[in-house]
């Protein structure tokens, strides 16, 4: 795989504002590569990514200007002789907006689009959530972005003239390709800097929203919105969800409100969406709980991805379609990244055997649909038994008092590890540790039920994923729950 180094990178630190949308077109049209940065990063991380990317231009939304300037200061201190990126501001205040001034000045001058010399030239650089010591910059090329945009529009049933509500951050996998996809269909973009359930319902009603996206936590926010914050939907609102396996209870609750949920799955290395849980008409007559369970599966690869498989990473053999044998999800095709920027070793490692190794563990059902069971690092091994944290979380989610849940491994002197649940309750609801454990033991094999329950708010990424590494650290700090002398499950 070839990774290009001789292009100009334009870094952007901005929430979902119109300028961020426009830059998805303007930067590639100028022959440069767009590098959008997570708005939750602090100055230290922004400095690392600016240095790694070698960005020559840095656009910063005015509310994030302190972080941007602090990152540039760190960059200057690290190498006083190096040229700093040109800093341009994005602001609602037209009197102090470098971006709008730049657009106004450029509009009067003739401009020729700088088309890529090759369709495999890079279009964007997206950083995965990593450590400050080894950031991973995922290189997208024009061909992959084009194909994945078309596939996402088709999989998500985005018809002509949609109205799209921006709850997915545009810095995350380029907004799941939808800055380009909504434009492709002649749509209207409703940009939100920040949102709550009330803002979502109000925006849908005010603008006639037809499509939106969001991680399962966004769906959970909608499902548990107070009646006072809800408004009747003007029509069916199609919601694309992904980023984490959605609990069936949440899927059911959102669809009861009139939303139509499309479950997709992918990762930064696959340009975002890579599979879709294709819905079959014969499932419409099934009980609601069964429909939600089926929709929670990850399904098949979309039309632009050559293939998805569940393989034994040691032998590279496909697992049987029995719904039980666990393997690693792997992808290959034109909508797999060009590689990691400036990291050939990591690129070769993750593409061993000609397939992208995701690190996600899954099964394949007899009907061919794949179902992710866990991240490899999140599987809990207790007494030699593998426990899917996702499966345990799904049961906890079905408890009427639970708003959010995440399950991680707690070290144990006897069992090796035991499930530890972090739970946030709904406002006004109550439940004890014994309640949650008993509820799970009635619905799961006893070894799978959590042995520890902690009630607290769950740490989140900017895209709504629970930061399990934070919870794993907390569980490790608790130490062993049992001793050899007290080892009954």
Foldseek 3Di string as FASTA:
>chain_A
DDDDDPFAEAEEQAWFDVVLLVCLPVQVQQVHAYQYDANPDALLLVLLVCVQNVHQAYEYEPVCVVSVVSSQVVNCVVPVVDDTHHYFYDYPPVVRGRVVVVVVVVVVDDDGGDHDPDQQQFHYWAWDDDDSVDIWTFTAGNVLLVLQLVLCCVLQVPAAAAEEEEPFTCSFLNSLSVSVNCVVRVYHYDTDRDDALLRVQVCCVVPVHAEYEAELLNLLRVLQPDPVSHDQGPAEHEYEYEPDQHQLVSVLSSVVSRYHYWYFYDHSQLSGGFFTLDDDPVCVPPDSSVSSVSRSFRFFTTPQWPGKFFAAVVVRDGDDQDQPDKGFIKGAGSRGTPATHPCVPVRCVQCPPNIGTDQWMWHHHPVGTIGTQGRVQFWEQWQNDTARQVVQQSQLCPPPFFSGKGWGWAAAAPGRTAIAMETETRVPGDDDQVRQQVSSVVPDPNRRGGPHYHYDDFDARSRGDGPVVVVRVVRHVVHHPDDPVGDDD
